[in-house]
Amino acid sequence: MNFLTEIVAFVVAIGVLVVVHEFGHFSVARLCGVKVLRFSVGFGKPLVKWVSKTTGTEWTISALPLGGYVKMLDERETEATISEADLPHAFNRQSVFKRIAIVAAGPVFNFILAILLFAGVFAAGVSEPAAIVATPAAGTVAAKAGFEGGETVISMRDMTPGGGATGDTLPIRSWSDLRWKLLDASFDQRRVVLAAKTSEGTFDFPVTVGQVDDQDIDQDFMDKLGFEPGGGTLSVAGVEAGSAAAKAGLQAGDVLRAIDGKKIDNAMGFIDYVQHRPGTPVSLTVERNGAQRAVQIVPELRADATTNRNVGRIGASLATRIPSVDVRYGPLESLQLGAKRTWDISIYSLRMFGRMITGEASLKNLSGPVTIADYAGKSARLGLSAFLSFLALVSISLGVLNLLPIPVLDGGHLLYYLVEAATGKAVSDKWQMVLQRAGLVCIVALSMIALFNDLARLIRF
C-alpha cells in the first residue's frame, strides 16, 4: 500500500509541477503573440485531444502523465511552409526580449506556485514541534553555547565580531522556524545569538553555526549542531525478546525519566548515551503505573548496520511525544513568508550546487526520482499540509534547475538570448549544436549520479 501511495503521489507531484512550468511558457507566449500549436499534458500517445476554436491550439492528454510540453510555431522546427499570415507569430521571429520572457516564464511560474503553496500552508495553520531544545550531546555547538536542555528559543539576531548582538531580532515561533534560520546562518557562516526562556528567566546563547558545510541529504544538520526538539516525554514502545532491556525488566509503556541521574527528553540523546557504553551498567529511572523505579541495565555490544561500528544496544524501541504549537499567519503575512521561504530555499539550492561544483560539498546531495517518490509518499501520508510543502520544495528545485546555464535547459536558452541582447548577434547554429551536446552530457551525468545516490540510499551501500 505504501508503494502505491508513493507512485500516485510521485505522478501527481511531477505532473502538476511540470504542467505549471509549461503553462508559464504557454501563457507568456500567448501574451507575446506567439502561436502555440500544442499543449500536451503528459507524453506519448494522445488519449484525449481537442482544438481551441479561438487560438487554434491543440490540447491533449497523453498516455504517460509525467509532465507535459508546449509546442510553438517555429520556422526552425518545421519543414512545412508557414503562411505569410502566421510568420509574425513564429517564436523565432520575436524580439530577443520576448523570447527571454517566454523562456523564463516556466521557472518563474514554478516559483510563483511555491509561494502560493507555502502561503496556503502558513494561512491554514500547521502544528509543529515547539522550539524547545533537548539536552545536547557534549562537545556540540549547542552544548558549547550553554544549552542544558529545556530552554525555549524565542528569537535570533546576528552577533558582531566583538561578540555583541546586532541587526533585527527575528522571532522564533516553532522548531521548523528555528531550523530555517540556523540553516540560513550556516551558509553565511554567521555567529548568532539565540534568546531562550528558562524557568529562571530569558537568557542569550551565542551560537556559531559556520562549521556546517558538507551535509548528506539523509542527515539533519541540526543533529550535528546538537539541536533536537526537547521538552517531550520519552517512553518504551517495545522490547526485543532476550535483549538487555528484557533481562533488566524494562516493559513497553515505561516512561524514561533519567539515565544515570541525567534527565532525558529525547531519543537521540538517550541512544547516543547508550551507544557509548557497551558492557557498562547504566541506571534508568522509569515511570510505570504512576510510580518511579530504578532499572539497572547493561548495554550489549552490537554492530550498527548503518555505520558498521560496534555500539551499545539495549534492544528497545522508543517513542517520543514532543510539545507542539499551532502556527498560523494572516493572508498578507503568509504571502510575505511564502515569498521569503521560496527565496531562501532557492538561494540554498544554488549555494549547495555551487559547493558541489567546487568540491566543498558532496555529490551525494543530489537526489533522483526514487528519493523524490519516497518523500512524495511520506509527505502524502503525513497529510495535505506536508504534501503541499513538499510540492513547493520540488517546484523550487525544478525552477532553480531549469535556470542553470546548461544548454538544453531553459537557462541555457536564456544564456543564448542574453548574449544576443548584449552583442546584437545570435549564437550561431554551429555553436548551439556543440553546446547542446555538452549540455546533454552534463544532464545525463547528473541524472546518473542522482540515480546512483538513490540506489545507495535504498540498499545502503
Protein backbone atom coordinates (compact mmCIF):
# COMPACT_ATOMS: atom_id res chain seq x y z
CA MET A 1 0.00 0.00 0.00
CA ASN A 2 2.86 2.38 0.81
CA PHE A 3 4.45 1.66 -2.58
CA LEU A 4 1.17 2.52 -4.33
CA THR A 5 0.91 5.74 -2.32
CA GLU A 6 4.44 6.70 -3.36
CA ILE A 7 3.74 6.05 -7.04
CA VAL A 8 0.47 8.01 -7.05
CA ALA A 9 1.97 10.89 -5.05
CA PHE A 10 5.02 10.97 -7.34
CA VAL A 11 2.91 11.05 -10.51
CA VAL A 12 0.66 13.78 -9.11
CA ALA A 13 3.62 15.86 -7.94
CA ILE A 14 5.63 15.65 -11.16
CA GLY A 15 2.52 16.02 -13.32
CA VAL A 16 1.31 19.16 -11.53
CA LEU A 17 4.74 20.82 -11.35
CA VAL A 18 5.70 20.24 -14.98
CA VAL A 19 2.27 21.27 -16.26
CA VAL A 20 2.53 24.51 -14.25
CA HIS A 21 6.02 25.04 -15.69
CA GLU A 22 4.79 24.54 -19.26
CA PHE A 23 1.71 26.68 -18.64
CA GLY A 24 4.12 29.51 -17.79
CA HIS A 25 5.73 29.19 -21.23
CA PHE A 26 2.28 28.93 -22.85
CA SER A 27 0.77 31.97 -21.10
CA VAL A 28 3.62 34.37 -21.83
CA ALA A 29 3.95 33.06 -25.40
CA ARG A 30 0.28 33.89 -25.98
CA LEU A 31 0.77 37.36 -24.43
CA CYS A 32 3.71 37.94 -26.75
CA GLY A 33 1.63 36.99 -29.80
CA VAL A 34 3.30 33.61 -30.46
CA LYS A 35 1.13 30.89 -31.95
CA VAL A 36 1.07 27.76 -29.77
CA LEU A 37 0.44 24.62 -31.82
CA ARG A 38 0.03 22.14 -28.98
CA PHE A 39 -0.18 21.97 -25.20
CA SER A 40 0.21 18.39 -24.04
CA VAL A 41 -0.43 17.13 -20.54
CA GLY A 42 1.80 14.04 -20.43
CA PHE A 43 3.83 12.36 -23.16
CA GLY A 44 3.26 9.61 -25.69
CA LYS A 45 0.07 8.67 -27.48
CA PRO A 46 -2.73 11.23 -27.04
CA LEU A 47 -5.73 9.76 -25.23
CA VAL A 48 -7.92 12.85 -25.45
CA LYS A 49 -7.48 15.93 -27.64
CA TRP A 50 -9.42 18.96 -28.76
CA VAL A 51 -8.60 22.14 -30.72
CA SER A 52 -9.38 25.60 -29.44
CA LYS A 53 -11.53 27.47 -31.98
CA THR A 54 -10.17 30.77 -30.71
CA THR A 55 -6.40 30.15 -30.75
CA GLY A 56 -6.06 27.01 -32.86
CA THR A 57 -4.03 25.35 -30.08
CA GLU A 58 -4.39 21.59 -29.84
CA TRP A 59 -4.88 20.48 -26.22
CA THR A 60 -4.05 16.84 -25.47
CA ILE A 61 -3.96 14.46 -22.52
CA SER A 62 -1.39 11.78 -23.28
CA ALA A 63 -0.70 8.28 -22.03
CA LEU A 64 2.37 9.00 -19.86
CA PRO A 65 1.30 11.53 -17.19
CA LEU A 66 4.85 12.50 -16.13
CA GLY A 67 4.85 16.14 -17.16
CA GLY A 68 3.98 17.73 -20.48
CA TYR A 69 5.21 20.10 -23.17
CA VAL A 70 4.34 23.15 -25.25
CA LYS A 71 4.99 23.25 -29.00
CA MET A 72 5.18 26.71 -30.54
CA LEU A 73 5.25 27.77 -34.16
CA ASP A 74 8.93 27.98 -35.13
CA GLU A 75 10.47 28.06 -38.61
CA ARG A 76 13.50 26.11 -37.38
CA GLU A 77 11.41 23.15 -36.24
CA THR A 78 9.25 22.50 -39.27
CA GLU A 79 9.82 21.66 -42.91
CA ALA A 80 6.30 22.70 -43.86
CA THR A 81 5.69 26.09 -45.39
CA ILE A 82 4.36 28.62 -42.91
CA SER A 83 1.76 31.01 -44.27
CA GLU A 84 2.56 34.71 -44.54
CA ALA A 85 -0.18 35.45 -42.01
CA ASP A 86 1.41 33.15 -39.42
CA LEU A 87 5.05 34.21 -39.87
CA PRO A 88 4.80 37.20 -37.47
CA HIS A 89 3.53 34.75 -34.82
CA ALA A 90 6.53 32.36 -35.07
CA PHE A 91 8.70 32.13 -31.95
CA ASN A 92 11.93 32.72 -33.87
CA ARG A 93 10.53 35.96 -35.35
CA GLN A 94 10.03 37.55 -31.90
CA SER A 95 12.38 40.12 -30.38
CA VAL A 96 15.11 38.76 -28.13
CA PHE A 97 13.41 40.26 -25.08
CA LYS A 98 10.13 38.50 -25.84
CA ARG A 99 11.99 35.21 -26.25
CA ILE A 100 13.71 35.77 -22.92
CA ALA A 101 10.34 36.41 -21.26
CA ILE A 102 8.78 33.27 -22.79
CA VAL A 103 11.67 31.00 -21.78
CA ALA A 104 11.98 32.48 -18.26
CA ALA A 105 8.22 32.14 -17.65
CA GLY A 106 8.42 28.39 -16.95
CA PRO A 107 10.76 28.63 -13.95
CA VAL A 108 9.04 31.84 -12.78
CA PHE A 109 5.68 30.03 -12.66
CA ASN A 110 7.32 27.29 -10.56
CA PHE A 111 8.47 29.93 -8.07
CA ILE A 112 5.02 31.56 -8.04
CA LEU A 113 3.42 28.16 -7.38
CA ALA A 114 5.82 27.57 -4.48
CA ILE A 115 4.99 30.97 -2.98
CA LEU A 116 1.25 30.28 -3.19
CA LEU A 117 1.61 26.76 -1.76
CA PHE A 118 3.70 27.95 1.19
CA ALA A 119 1.33 30.87 1.73
CA GLY A 120 -1.61 28.47 1.80
CA VAL A 121 0.09 26.27 4.37
CA PHE A 122 1.02 29.27 6.54
CA ALA A 123 -2.50 30.73 6.32
CA ALA A 124 -4.26 27.41 7.03
CA GLY A 125 -2.02 26.84 10.04
CA VAL A 126 0.11 23.87 10.91
CA SER A 127 1.02 22.07 14.12
CA GLU A 128 4.80 21.97 14.57
CA PRO A 129 7.18 20.95 17.36
CA ALA A 130 7.81 23.77 19.79
CA ALA A 131 11.28 25.37 19.75
CA ILE A 132 12.30 23.64 22.98
CA VAL A 133 15.91 22.43 23.00
CA ALA A 134 16.68 18.94 24.26
CA THR A 135 19.79 18.21 26.31
CA PRO A 136 22.60 18.44 23.72
CA ALA A 137 25.42 15.95 23.37
CA ALA A 138 28.72 17.05 24.91
CA GLY A 139 31.03 18.92 22.56
CA THR A 140 28.32 20.01 20.13
CA VAL A 141 27.72 23.62 19.11
CA ALA A 142 24.56 23.74 21.24
CA ALA A 143 26.40 22.44 24.31
CA LYS A 144 29.25 24.95 23.84
CA ALA A 145 26.66 27.73 23.59
CA GLY A 146 25.44 26.84 27.07
CA PHE A 147 22.23 24.96 26.35
CA GLU A 148 21.47 22.34 29.00
CA GLY A 149 18.04 21.20 27.78
CA GLY A 150 14.55 22.52 28.35
CA GLU A 151 15.18 26.07 27.05
CA THR A 152 12.53 27.53 24.71
CA VAL A 153 14.11 29.60 21.91
CA ILE A 154 12.08 32.75 21.24
CA SER A 155 14.27 34.85 18.91
CA MET A 156 17.53 35.11 16.97
CA ARG A 157 19.78 38.01 16.00
CA ASP A 158 23.24 38.34 14.47
CA MET A 159 26.39 38.75 16.52
CA THR A 160 29.10 41.35 15.88
CA PRO A 161 32.78 40.29 15.57
CA GLY A 162 33.28 41.64 19.08
CA GLY A 163 30.60 39.35 20.48
CA GLY A 164 27.72 41.78 20.83
CA ALA A 165 24.30 41.39 19.26
CA THR A 166 23.32 43.43 16.21
CA GLY A 167 20.68 43.61 13.50
CA ASP A 168 16.97 42.88 13.65
CA THR A 169 15.58 40.48 16.21
CA LEU A 170 13.85 37.65 14.36
CA PRO A 171 11.10 35.87 16.31
CA ILE A 172 11.22 32.06 16.53
CA ARG A 173 7.74 30.52 16.56
CA SER A 174 8.47 26.82 16.13
CA TRP A 175 11.20 24.24 15.67
CA SER A 176 10.89 24.49 11.89
CA ASP A 177 11.33 28.25 12.14
CA LEU A 178 14.48 27.78 14.24
CA ARG A 179 15.86 25.24 11.76
CA TRP A 180 15.41 27.50 8.74
CA LYS A 181 17.02 30.49 10.45
CA LEU A 182 20.02 28.44 11.62
CA LEU A 183 20.37 26.92 8.15
CA ASP A 184 20.49 30.41 6.65
CA ALA A 185 23.12 31.46 9.18
CA SER A 186 25.21 28.33 8.48
CA PHE A 187 25.64 29.17 4.81
CA ASP A 188 26.78 32.71 5.61
CA GLN A 189 28.96 31.31 8.41
CA ARG A 190 27.44 33.84 10.79
CA ARG A 191 27.56 33.88 14.54
CA VAL A 192 24.14 34.44 16.05
CA VAL A 193 22.57 34.96 19.44
CA LEU A 194 19.59 32.83 20.38
CA ALA A 195 17.36 34.25 23.10
CA ALA A 196 15.69 31.47 25.10
CA LYS A 197 13.37 31.26 28.07
CA THR A 198 14.17 29.05 31.03
CA SER A 199 12.50 28.56 34.39
CA GLU A 200 14.81 31.29 35.73
CA GLY A 201 14.21 33.90 33.02
CA THR A 202 15.33 34.76 29.47
CA PHE A 203 19.00 34.38 28.53
CA ASP A 204 21.19 34.85 25.45
CA PHE A 205 23.10 31.93 23.95
CA PRO A 206 25.86 32.76 21.40
CA VAL A 207 25.91 30.12 18.65
CA THR A 208 28.48 29.59 15.90
CA VAL A 209 26.90 27.67 13.04
CA GLY A 210 29.53 28.24 10.35
CA GLN A 211 31.09 24.83 10.92
CA VAL A 212 28.41 23.02 8.94
CA ASP A 213 29.44 22.59 5.30
CA ASP A 214 29.13 19.19 3.66
CA GLN A 215 25.79 17.68 4.58
CA ASP A 216 24.46 14.44 3.22
CA ILE A 217 20.76 14.73 2.42
CA ASP A 218 19.94 11.91 4.84
CA GLN A 219 21.50 13.78 7.77
CA ASP A 220 19.90 16.65 9.65
CA PHE A 221 22.45 19.39 10.20
CA MET A 222 20.61 20.31 13.40
CA ASP A 223 21.70 16.98 14.89
CA LYS A 224 25.32 17.83 14.16
CA LEU A 225 24.90 21.17 15.88
CA GLY A 226 23.39 19.35 18.86
CA PHE A 227 19.90 20.76 18.48
CA GLU A 228 16.96 18.40 18.80
CA PRO A 229 13.36 19.06 19.86
CA GLY A 230 13.05 18.61 23.60
CA GLY A 231 10.60 19.10 26.41
CA GLY A 232 8.82 15.90 25.49
CA THR A 233 8.25 12.50 27.01
CA LEU A 234 10.39 9.50 26.04
CA SER A 235 8.84 6.09 26.51
CA VAL A 236 9.50 2.45 25.61
CA ALA A 237 7.49 1.40 22.56
CA GLY A 238 8.66 -2.22 22.51
CA VAL A 239 11.22 -4.65 23.92
CA GLU A 240 13.09 -7.38 21.99
CA ALA A 241 12.85 -10.85 23.50
CA GLY A 242 16.11 -11.92 25.14
CA SER A 243 17.63 -8.44 24.88
CA ALA A 244 19.37 -6.50 27.65
CA ALA A 245 16.19 -4.45 28.11
CA ALA A 246 14.09 -7.60 28.55
CA LYS A 247 16.57 -9.11 31.01
CA ALA A 248 16.52 -5.90 33.06
CA GLY A 249 12.71 -5.96 33.25
CA LEU A 250 12.04 -2.96 31.01
CA GLN A 251 8.47 -3.01 29.66
CA ALA A 252 6.59 -1.38 26.81
CA GLY A 253 4.88 1.74 28.10
CA ASP A 254 7.59 2.58 30.62
CA VAL A 255 8.31 6.33 30.62
CA LEU A 256 12.05 7.08 30.73
CA ARG A 257 12.77 9.96 33.10
CA ALA A 258 16.55 9.84 33.61
CA ILE A 259 19.67 7.88 32.76
CA ASP A 260 22.45 7.79 35.39
CA GLY A 261 20.69 10.67 37.11
CA LYS A 262 20.55 12.88 34.00
CA LYS A 263 17.15 13.99 32.73
CA ILE A 264 16.24 12.72 29.25
CA ASP A 265 13.50 14.00 26.96
CA ASN A 266 14.59 12.91 23.50
CA ALA A 267 15.54 9.69 21.76
CA MET A 268 18.79 10.87 20.14
CA GLY A 269 20.40 11.83 23.43
CA PHE A 270 19.37 8.53 25.03
CA ILE A 271 20.62 6.45 22.09
CA ASP A 272 23.94 8.32 21.94
CA TYR A 273 24.48 7.78 25.67
CA VAL A 274 23.77 4.05 25.45
CA GLN A 275 25.83 3.51 22.29
CA HIS A 276 28.96 4.82 24.01
CA ARG A 277 28.59 2.44 26.98
CA PRO A 278 28.61 -1.18 25.77
CA GLY A 279 29.17 -3.53 28.69
CA THR A 280 28.88 -0.68 31.21
CA PRO A 281 25.91 -0.79 33.63
CA VAL A 282 23.60 2.23 33.40
CA SER A 283 20.81 3.18 35.75
CA LEU A 284 17.45 4.15 34.29
CA THR A 285 14.76 5.99 36.19
CA VAL A 286 11.45 4.86 34.71
CA GLU A 287 7.85 5.67 35.49
CA ARG A 288 5.38 2.77 35.43
CA ASN A 289 1.75 2.99 36.51
CA GLY A 290 2.38 6.37 38.13
CA ALA A 291 5.31 5.20 40.25
CA GLN A 292 9.03 5.73 39.62
CA ARG A 293 11.55 2.93 39.91
CA ALA A 294 15.20 2.31 39.11
CA VAL A 295 16.21 -0.22 36.46
CA GLN A 296 19.81 -1.40 36.07
CA ILE A 297 20.72 -2.39 32.53
CA VAL A 298 23.92 -3.38 30.73
CA PRO A 299 24.02 -2.39 27.03
CA GLU A 300 25.14 -5.22 24.76
CA LEU A 301 27.87 -4.79 22.13
CA ARG A 302 26.30 -4.98 18.68
CA ALA A 303 27.21 -3.97 15.14
CA ASP A 304 25.42 -0.94 13.77
CA ALA A 305 24.07 -1.87 10.32
CA THR A 306 24.26 1.75 9.14
CA THR A 307 27.76 2.75 10.30
CA ASN A 308 29.33 -0.75 10.64
CA ARG A 309 30.59 0.27 14.09
CA ASN A 310 30.23 -1.75 17.26
CA VAL A 311 28.00 0.16 19.67
CA GLY A 312 25.98 -0.40 22.81
CA ARG A 313 22.38 -1.55 22.38
CA ILE A 314 19.66 -2.44 24.90
CA GLY A 315 17.13 -3.89 22.43
CA ALA A 316 14.24 -1.48 22.98
CA SER A 317 12.34 0.74 20.57
CA LEU A 318 11.49 4.23 21.73
CA ALA A 319 8.65 6.70 21.22
CA THR A 320 8.83 10.44 21.83
CA ARG A 321 5.95 12.84 22.43
CA ILE A 322 7.11 16.37 21.64
CA PRO A 323 5.18 19.51 22.70
CA SER A 324 3.71 21.25 19.64
CA VAL A 325 2.48 24.72 18.77
CA ASP A 326 -0.12 25.81 16.23
CA VAL A 327 1.48 28.27 13.81
CA ARG A 328 -0.92 30.40 11.75
CA TYR A 329 -0.44 33.68 9.88
CA GLY A 330 -2.67 36.28 8.24
CA PRO A 331 -3.13 36.35 4.43
CA LEU A 332 -0.64 39.16 3.71
CA GLU A 333 1.97 37.84 6.16
CA SER A 334 1.52 34.35 4.68
CA LEU A 335 2.34 35.67 1.20
CA GLN A 336 5.38 37.51 2.53
CA LEU A 337 6.59 34.42 4.37
CA GLY A 338 5.87 32.25 1.33
CA ALA A 339 7.98 34.55 -0.84
CA LYS A 340 10.79 34.61 1.73
CA ARG A 341 10.75 30.83 2.18
CA THR A 342 10.86 30.38 -1.61
CA TRP A 343 13.77 32.82 -1.87
CA ASP A 344 15.67 31.17 0.99
CA ILE A 345 15.31 27.67 -0.48
CA SER A 346 16.30 28.91 -3.96
CA ILE A 347 19.46 30.53 -2.62
CA TYR A 348 20.20 27.44 -0.51
CA SER A 349 19.85 25.22 -3.60
CA LEU A 350 22.14 27.44 -5.69
CA ARG A 351 24.74 27.61 -2.94
CA MET A 352 24.69 23.87 -2.46
CA PHE A 353 25.02 23.27 -6.21
CA GLY A 354 27.93 25.72 -6.34
CA ARG A 355 29.65 23.91 -3.49
CA MET A 356 29.22 20.59 -5.25
CA ILE A 357 30.87 22.05 -8.36
CA THR A 358 33.83 23.40 -6.34
CA GLY A 359 34.13 20.19 -4.32
CA GLU A 360 33.17 21.81 -1.00
CA ALA A 361 30.04 19.64 -0.78
CA SER A 362 29.48 16.02 -1.66
CA LEU A 363 27.68 14.93 -4.83
CA LYS A 364 25.70 12.66 -2.50
CA ASN A 365 23.39 15.64 -2.02
CA LEU A 366 21.93 15.06 -5.50
CA SER A 367 18.66 13.14 -5.48
CA GLY A 368 16.75 11.42 -8.25
CA PRO A 369 13.27 10.06 -8.92
CA VAL A 370 13.45 7.28 -6.34
CA THR A 371 14.13 9.69 -3.49
CA ILE A 372 11.51 12.13 -4.79
CA ALA A 373 8.93 9.32 -4.95
CA ASP A 374 9.86 8.22 -1.44
CA TYR A 375 9.43 11.72 0.01
CA ALA A 376 6.27 12.27 -2.03
CA GLY A 377 4.73 9.17 -0.47
CA LYS A 378 5.88 10.04 3.04
CA SER A 379 4.57 13.60 2.81
CA ALA A 380 1.24 12.41 1.37
CA ARG A 381 0.79 10.03 4.31
CA LEU A 382 1.53 12.86 6.76
CA GLY A 383 -1.34 14.94 5.41
CA LEU A 384 -2.26 17.68 2.96
CA SER A 385 -0.10 20.35 4.60
CA ALA A 386 3.05 18.21 4.41
CA PHE A 387 2.33 17.21 0.79
CA LEU A 388 1.76 20.83 -0.28
CA SER A 389 5.03 21.84 1.40
CA PHE A 390 6.77 19.01 -0.45
CA LEU A 391 5.24 20.18 -3.75
CA ALA A 392 6.50 23.70 -3.07
CA LEU A 393 10.00 22.40 -2.34
CA VAL A 394 10.18 20.33 -5.54
CA SER A 395 8.68 23.21 -7.55
CA ILE A 396 11.51 25.45 -6.36
CA SER A 397 14.06 22.76 -7.24
CA LEU A 398 12.55 22.47 -10.73
CA GLY A 399 12.68 26.23 -11.18
CA VAL A 400 16.28 26.51 -9.99
CA LEU A 401 17.41 23.54 -12.09
CA ASN A 402 15.88 24.99 -15.25
CA LEU A 403 17.59 28.34 -14.70
CA LEU A 404 21.07 26.80 -14.58
CA PRO A 405 23.07 27.96 -17.64
CA ILE A 406 23.21 24.46 -19.10
CA PRO A 407 22.28 24.06 -22.78
CA VAL A 408 19.06 22.00 -23.33
CA LEU A 409 17.62 23.64 -20.17
CA ASP A 410 15.75 26.95 -20.07
CA GLY A 411 18.82 28.56 -18.51
CA GLY A 412 20.92 27.53 -21.50
CA HIS A 413 18.49 29.18 -23.93
CA LEU A 414 18.40 32.28 -21.73
CA LEU A 415 22.19 32.40 -21.94
CA TYR A 416 22.00 32.38 -25.76
CA TYR A 417 19.45 35.20 -25.77
CA LEU A 418 21.37 37.28 -23.23
CA VAL A 419 24.48 37.00 -25.42
CA GLU A 420 22.36 38.05 -28.39
CA ALA A 421 20.91 41.02 -26.45
CA ALA A 422 24.42 42.13 -25.42
CA THR A 423 26.15 41.67 -28.79
CA GLY A 424 23.31 42.15 -31.23
CA LYS A 425 24.16 38.82 -32.87
CA ALA A 426 22.52 35.44 -32.33
CA VAL A 427 24.69 32.50 -31.25
CA SER A 428 25.47 30.53 -34.41
CA ASP A 429 23.72 27.23 -35.11
CA LYS A 430 27.12 25.50 -35.09
CA TRP A 431 27.93 26.70 -31.58
CA GLN A 432 24.44 25.94 -30.37
CA MET A 433 24.81 22.37 -31.61
CA VAL A 434 28.16 21.93 -29.84
CA LEU A 435 26.82 23.43 -26.61
CA GLN A 436 23.64 21.36 -26.81
CA ARG A 437 25.68 18.17 -26.93
CA ALA A 438 27.83 19.31 -23.99
CA GLY A 439 24.71 20.21 -22.05
CA LEU A 440 23.16 16.84 -22.78
CA VAL A 441 26.29 15.13 -21.43
CA CYS A 442 26.04 17.21 -18.24
CA ILE A 443 22.37 16.37 -17.74
CA VAL A 444 22.97 12.65 -18.33
CA ALA A 445 25.92 12.69 -15.90
CA LEU A 446 23.89 14.48 -13.21
CA SER A 447 21.00 12.07 -13.75
CA MET A 448 23.27 9.04 -13.38
CA ILE A 449 24.82 10.42 -10.19
CA ALA A 450 21.36 11.18 -8.76
CA LEU A 451 20.12 7.69 -9.64
CA PHE A 452 23.24 6.12 -8.07
CA ASN A 453 22.62 8.13 -4.89
CA ASP A 454 19.00 6.94 -4.87
CA LEU A 455 20.09 3.31 -5.12
CA ALA A 456 22.80 3.82 -2.50
CA ARG A 457 20.22 5.14 -0.04
CA LEU A 458 17.78 2.40 -0.95
CA ILE A 459 20.12 -0.55 -0.44
CA ARG A 460 22.60 1.27 1.87
CA PHE A 461 25.90 0.51 0.17
